[in-house]
Amino acid sequence: MTTITFDTLAYVKTLREAGVSEPQAEAQASALATVLKSGTNELATKQDLRELALATRNDIRTIGQDMREMELRIDARLEAMKAELFKWVIGLFLAQAGLFAALVKILH
């Protein structure tokens, strides 16, 4: 937890010298000290930031690994599709050649 040092006595003295009454100066110092104390509970510390940076780096590393795995799966699927397409093209080529040969034989 982060704490902010606040010298209430010096604050009261400064207010009194500026013409603020003693009870008002003490009340303001007390209120400001309370605000400063409660407001620091939400502040991030250097350790909080280091932990966040480490967690972020780990998340990025995990995402990178996931993307590499996905890339490998996509590459494998593309290779399978390429092989399937090649089979169809060869099959259609042979069918077309057979049909052409049959037409040539019929027409001559």
N, C-alpha and C. Protein backbone atom coordinates (compact mmCIF):
# COMPACT_ATOMS: atom_id res chain seq x y z
N MET A 1 0.84 -1.17 0.00
CA MET A 1 0.00 0.00 0.00
C MET A 1 0.89 1.24 0.00
N THR A 2 0.49 2.23 -0.75
CA THR A 2 1.23 3.48 -0.83
C THR A 2 0.72 4.45 0.23
N THR A 3 1.63 5.13 0.89
CA THR A 3 1.23 6.16 1.86
C THR A 3 1.87 7.48 1.47
N ILE A 4 1.11 8.52 1.68
CA ILE A 4 1.61 9.86 1.40
C ILE A 4 1.82 10.54 2.74
N THR A 5 3.00 11.08 2.94
CA THR A 5 3.30 11.78 4.18
C THR A 5 2.69 13.17 4.09
N PHE A 6 1.89 13.51 5.10
CA PHE A 6 1.22 14.80 5.14
C PHE A 6 1.41 15.40 6.53
N ASP A 7 2.07 16.54 6.59
CA ASP A 7 2.36 17.21 7.86
C ASP A 7 1.18 18.11 8.20
N THR A 8 0.25 17.58 9.01
CA THR A 8 -0.95 18.34 9.37
C THR A 8 -0.61 19.58 10.19
N LEU A 9 0.40 19.49 11.07
CA LEU A 9 0.77 20.63 11.90
C LEU A 9 1.26 21.80 11.03
N ALA A 10 2.10 21.52 10.05
CA ALA A 10 2.59 22.56 9.15
C ALA A 10 1.44 23.13 8.33
N TYR A 11 0.50 22.27 7.92
CA TYR A 11 -0.65 22.72 7.13
C TYR A 11 -1.51 23.67 7.97
N VAL A 12 -1.78 23.29 9.23
CA VAL A 12 -2.57 24.14 10.13
C VAL A 12 -1.87 25.48 10.33
N LYS A 13 -0.57 25.44 10.53
CA LYS A 13 0.21 26.67 10.73
C LYS A 13 0.12 27.57 9.51
N THR A 14 0.22 26.99 8.30
CA THR A 14 0.13 27.78 7.06
C THR A 14 -1.25 28.42 6.94
N LEU A 15 -2.28 27.67 7.25
CA LEU A 15 -3.64 28.22 7.18
C LEU A 15 -3.85 29.33 8.20
N ARG A 16 -3.35 29.14 9.44
CA ARG A 16 -3.49 30.16 10.48
C ARG A 16 -2.79 31.44 10.07
N GLU A 17 -1.59 31.30 9.48
CA GLU A 17 -0.84 32.48 9.03
C GLU A 17 -1.55 33.20 7.89
N ALA A 18 -2.39 32.48 7.15
CA ALA A 18 -3.15 33.08 6.05
C ALA A 18 -4.45 33.69 6.53
N GLY A 19 -4.71 33.59 7.86
CA GLY A 19 -5.90 34.22 8.42
C GLY A 19 -7.06 33.29 8.69
N VAL A 20 -6.87 32.00 8.52
CA VAL A 20 -7.94 31.04 8.80
C VAL A 20 -7.94 30.77 10.30
N SER A 21 -9.15 30.67 10.88
CA SER A 21 -9.24 30.44 12.32
C SER A 21 -8.68 29.07 12.69
N GLU A 22 -8.26 28.91 13.93
CA GLU A 22 -7.66 27.65 14.42
C GLU A 22 -8.59 26.46 14.21
N PRO A 23 -9.89 26.54 14.63
CA PRO A 23 -10.77 25.38 14.43
C PRO A 23 -10.96 25.02 12.95
N GLN A 24 -11.07 26.03 12.10
CA GLN A 24 -11.23 25.76 10.67
C GLN A 24 -9.96 25.14 10.09
N ALA A 25 -8.81 25.65 10.46
CA ALA A 25 -7.54 25.12 9.97
C ALA A 25 -7.37 23.67 10.38
N GLU A 26 -7.71 23.35 11.64
CA GLU A 26 -7.58 21.96 12.13
C GLU A 26 -8.57 21.05 11.40
N ALA A 27 -9.78 21.56 11.16
CA ALA A 27 -10.80 20.76 10.46
C ALA A 27 -10.35 20.47 9.03
N GLN A 28 -9.83 21.49 8.36
CA GLN A 28 -9.35 21.29 6.99
C GLN A 28 -8.18 20.32 6.95
N ALA A 29 -7.26 20.44 7.90
CA ALA A 29 -6.11 19.54 7.94
C ALA A 29 -6.57 18.11 8.17
N SER A 30 -7.53 17.93 9.07
CA SER A 30 -8.04 16.59 9.34
C SER A 30 -8.74 16.01 8.11
N ALA A 31 -9.56 16.82 7.45
CA ALA A 31 -10.28 16.35 6.27
C ALA A 31 -9.31 16.01 5.15
N LEU A 32 -8.31 16.85 4.94
CA LEU A 32 -7.34 16.58 3.88
C LEU A 32 -6.52 15.34 4.17
N ALA A 33 -6.14 15.14 5.43
CA ALA A 33 -5.39 13.94 5.82
C ALA A 33 -6.22 12.69 5.55
N THR A 34 -7.52 12.75 5.82
CA THR A 34 -8.42 11.61 5.58
C THR A 34 -8.51 11.31 4.08
N VAL A 35 -8.64 12.35 3.30
CA VAL A 35 -8.73 12.16 1.84
C VAL A 35 -7.45 11.56 1.30
N LEU A 36 -6.31 12.09 1.74
CA LEU A 36 -5.04 11.58 1.25
C LEU A 36 -4.83 10.13 1.65
N LYS A 37 -5.24 9.79 2.86
CA LYS A 37 -5.06 8.42 3.34
C LYS A 37 -5.96 7.45 2.57
N SER A 38 -7.21 7.82 2.38
CA SER A 38 -8.14 6.91 1.70
C SER A 38 -7.89 6.86 0.20
N GLY A 39 -7.41 7.95 -0.38
CA GLY A 39 -7.18 8.01 -1.82
C GLY A 39 -6.00 7.17 -2.28
N THR A 40 -5.07 6.89 -1.39
CA THR A 40 -3.89 6.13 -1.79
C THR A 40 -4.16 4.64 -1.91
N ASN A 41 -5.28 4.16 -1.42
CA ASN A 41 -5.58 2.72 -1.52
C ASN A 41 -5.74 2.28 -2.97
N GLU A 42 -6.10 3.20 -3.84
CA GLU A 42 -6.34 2.88 -5.24
C GLU A 42 -5.14 3.15 -6.13
N LEU A 43 -4.06 3.68 -5.58
CA LEU A 43 -2.89 3.99 -6.40
C LEU A 43 -2.08 2.73 -6.68
N ALA A 44 -1.55 2.66 -7.88
CA ALA A 44 -0.71 1.53 -8.25
C ALA A 44 0.72 1.78 -7.77
N THR A 45 1.33 0.74 -7.24
CA THR A 45 2.72 0.83 -6.81
C THR A 45 3.63 0.38 -7.94
N LYS A 46 4.92 0.60 -7.79
CA LYS A 46 5.87 0.11 -8.79
C LYS A 46 5.79 -1.40 -8.90
N GLN A 47 5.60 -2.06 -7.76
CA GLN A 47 5.47 -3.52 -7.77
C GLN A 47 4.21 -3.94 -8.55
N ASP A 48 3.11 -3.22 -8.35
CA ASP A 48 1.89 -3.50 -9.12
C ASP A 48 2.16 -3.39 -10.61
N LEU A 49 2.88 -2.35 -11.00
CA LEU A 49 3.19 -2.14 -12.42
C LEU A 49 4.12 -3.22 -12.96
N ARG A 50 5.10 -3.64 -12.15
CA ARG A 50 6.00 -4.73 -12.59
C ARG A 50 5.21 -6.02 -12.78
N GLU A 51 4.31 -6.32 -11.84
CA GLU A 51 3.51 -7.54 -11.96
C GLU A 51 2.60 -7.48 -13.19
N LEU A 52 2.03 -6.31 -13.44
CA LEU A 52 1.18 -6.14 -14.62
C LEU A 52 1.99 -6.31 -15.91
N ALA A 53 3.19 -5.75 -15.94
CA ALA A 53 4.05 -5.88 -17.12
C ALA A 53 4.42 -7.34 -17.35
N LEU A 54 4.74 -8.05 -16.28
CA LEU A 54 5.09 -9.47 -16.41
C LEU A 54 3.89 -10.27 -16.90
N ALA A 55 2.73 -10.01 -16.34
CA ALA A 55 1.52 -10.72 -16.77
C ALA A 55 1.22 -10.42 -18.23
N THR A 56 1.42 -9.17 -18.63
CA THR A 56 1.16 -8.78 -20.02
C THR A 56 2.13 -9.49 -20.97
N ARG A 57 3.41 -9.54 -20.58
CA ARG A 57 4.39 -10.25 -21.42
C ARG A 57 4.02 -11.72 -21.54
N ASN A 58 3.58 -12.32 -20.44
CA ASN A 58 3.18 -13.74 -20.48
C ASN A 58 1.97 -13.93 -21.39
N ASP A 59 1.01 -13.00 -21.29
CA ASP A 59 -0.17 -13.09 -22.16
C ASP A 59 0.22 -12.97 -23.63
N ILE A 60 1.11 -12.05 -23.94
CA ILE A 60 1.55 -11.87 -25.32
C ILE A 60 2.28 -13.11 -25.81
N ARG A 61 3.12 -13.69 -24.95
CA ARG A 61 3.84 -14.91 -25.32
C ARG A 61 2.85 -16.05 -25.60
N THR A 62 1.83 -16.18 -24.76
CA THR A 62 0.82 -17.22 -24.95
C THR A 62 0.05 -17.01 -26.25
N ILE A 63 -0.31 -15.77 -26.52
CA ILE A 63 -1.03 -15.46 -27.76
C ILE A 63 -0.15 -15.79 -28.96
N GLY A 64 1.14 -15.47 -28.89
CA GLY A 64 2.06 -15.79 -29.98
C GLY A 64 2.14 -17.29 -30.23
N GLN A 65 2.20 -18.07 -29.15
CA GLN A 65 2.25 -19.53 -29.29
C GLN A 65 0.96 -20.05 -29.90
N ASP A 66 -0.17 -19.50 -29.45
CA ASP A 66 -1.46 -19.92 -30.00
C ASP A 66 -1.53 -19.60 -31.49
N MET A 67 -1.03 -18.44 -31.87
CA MET A 67 -1.06 -18.06 -33.29
C MET A 67 -0.16 -18.97 -34.12
N ARG A 68 1.01 -19.35 -33.57
CA ARG A 68 1.88 -20.27 -34.32
C ARG A 68 1.20 -21.63 -34.51
N GLU A 69 0.54 -22.12 -33.46
CA GLU A 69 -0.17 -23.41 -33.57
C GLU A 69 -1.29 -23.30 -34.61
N MET A 70 -2.01 -22.18 -34.59
CA MET A 70 -3.09 -21.99 -35.56
C MET A 70 -2.53 -21.92 -36.97
N GLU A 71 -1.39 -21.26 -37.14
CA GLU A 71 -0.75 -21.18 -38.45
C GLU A 71 -0.38 -22.57 -38.96
N LEU A 72 0.14 -23.42 -38.08
CA LEU A 72 0.49 -24.79 -38.48
C LEU A 72 -0.75 -25.57 -38.90
N ARG A 73 -1.85 -25.40 -38.15
CA ARG A 73 -3.09 -26.11 -38.51
C ARG A 73 -3.62 -25.61 -39.86
N ILE A 74 -3.54 -24.31 -40.09
CA ILE A 74 -4.01 -23.77 -41.36
C ILE A 74 -3.14 -24.27 -42.50
N ASP A 75 -1.82 -24.29 -42.29
CA ASP A 75 -0.92 -24.80 -43.32
C ASP A 75 -1.25 -26.25 -43.66
N ALA A 76 -1.51 -27.06 -42.64
CA ALA A 76 -1.85 -28.47 -42.86
C ALA A 76 -3.16 -28.59 -43.66
N ARG A 77 -4.14 -27.76 -43.32
CA ARG A 77 -5.41 -27.80 -44.05
C ARG A 77 -5.22 -27.36 -45.51
N LEU A 78 -4.40 -26.35 -45.71
CA LEU A 78 -4.15 -25.90 -47.08
C LEU A 78 -3.44 -26.98 -47.90
N GLU A 79 -2.49 -27.66 -47.30
CA GLU A 79 -1.81 -28.76 -47.99
C GLU A 79 -2.80 -29.86 -48.36
N ALA A 80 -3.70 -30.19 -47.43
CA ALA A 80 -4.70 -31.23 -47.71
C ALA A 80 -5.63 -30.78 -48.84
N MET A 81 -6.01 -29.52 -48.83
CA MET A 81 -6.88 -29.00 -49.89
C MET A 81 -6.16 -28.98 -51.23
N LYS A 82 -4.87 -28.64 -51.19
CA LYS A 82 -4.08 -28.62 -52.42
C LYS A 82 -3.99 -30.03 -53.01
N ALA A 83 -3.76 -31.03 -52.16
CA ALA A 83 -3.67 -32.41 -52.62
C ALA A 83 -5.02 -32.86 -53.21
N GLU A 84 -6.11 -32.49 -52.54
CA GLU A 84 -7.45 -32.86 -53.02
C GLU A 84 -7.72 -32.20 -54.38
N LEU A 85 -7.37 -30.94 -54.51
CA LEU A 85 -7.56 -30.22 -55.77
C LEU A 85 -6.71 -30.85 -56.88
N PHE A 86 -5.49 -31.21 -56.55
CA PHE A 86 -4.61 -31.84 -57.53
C PHE A 86 -5.23 -33.15 -58.04
N LYS A 87 -5.79 -33.94 -57.11
CA LYS A 87 -6.44 -35.20 -57.53
C LYS A 87 -7.59 -34.92 -58.48
N TRP A 88 -8.39 -33.91 -58.19
CA TRP A 88 -9.52 -33.59 -59.05
C TRP A 88 -9.05 -33.11 -60.42
N VAL A 89 -8.04 -32.28 -60.44
CA VAL A 89 -7.54 -31.76 -61.71
C VAL A 89 -6.99 -32.90 -62.57
N ILE A 90 -6.20 -33.80 -61.96
CA ILE A 90 -5.66 -34.95 -62.70
C ILE A 90 -6.80 -35.83 -63.20
N GLY A 91 -7.77 -36.08 -62.31
CA GLY A 91 -8.92 -36.92 -62.72
C GLY A 91 -9.68 -36.30 -63.88
N LEU A 92 -9.95 -35.00 -63.79
CA LEU A 92 -10.67 -34.34 -64.88
C LEU A 92 -9.84 -34.30 -66.17
N PHE A 93 -8.52 -34.12 -66.02
CA PHE A 93 -7.65 -34.13 -67.19
C PHE A 93 -7.71 -35.49 -67.89
N LEU A 94 -7.62 -36.57 -67.08
CA LEU A 94 -7.69 -37.91 -67.68
C LEU A 94 -9.05 -38.17 -68.31
N ALA A 95 -10.12 -37.70 -67.65
CA ALA A 95 -11.45 -37.89 -68.22
C ALA A 95 -11.58 -37.13 -69.54
N GLN A 96 -11.06 -35.91 -69.56
CA GLN A 96 -11.11 -35.10 -70.77
C GLN A 96 -10.28 -35.73 -71.89
N ALA A 97 -9.11 -36.25 -71.53
CA ALA A 97 -8.27 -36.90 -72.55
C ALA A 97 -8.97 -38.13 -73.09
N GLY A 98 -9.61 -38.90 -72.21
CA GLY A 98 -10.35 -40.08 -72.66
C GLY A 98 -11.51 -39.70 -73.56
N LEU A 99 -12.23 -38.66 -73.19
CA LEU A 99 -13.36 -38.19 -74.00
C LEU A 99 -12.88 -37.69 -75.36
N PHE A 100 -11.78 -36.96 -75.34
CA PHE A 100 -11.21 -36.46 -76.60
C PHE A 100 -10.78 -37.61 -77.50
N ALA A 101 -10.13 -38.64 -76.91
CA ALA A 101 -9.68 -39.80 -77.67
C ALA A 101 -10.87 -40.54 -78.26
N ALA A 102 -11.94 -40.67 -77.46
CA ALA A 102 -13.13 -41.34 -77.95
C ALA A 102 -13.79 -40.57 -79.09
N LEU A 103 -13.83 -39.24 -78.96
CA LEU A 103 -14.40 -38.44 -80.05
C LEU A 103 -13.58 -38.53 -81.32
N VAL A 104 -12.26 -38.51 -81.17
CA VAL A 104 -11.38 -38.63 -82.34
C VAL A 104 -11.62 -39.97 -83.00
N LYS A 105 -11.75 -41.03 -82.24
CA LYS A 105 -11.95 -42.36 -82.80
C LYS A 105 -13.31 -42.46 -83.48
N ILE A 106 -14.32 -41.85 -82.86
CA ILE A 106 -15.67 -41.91 -83.43
C ILE A 106 -15.74 -41.10 -84.73
N LEU A 107 -15.14 -39.96 -84.75
CA LEU A 107 -15.22 -39.07 -85.90
C LEU A 107 -14.33 -39.49 -87.06
N HIS A 108 -13.37 -40.37 -86.85
CA HIS A 108 -12.53 -40.82 -87.96
C HIS A 108 -12.95 -42.14 -88.45
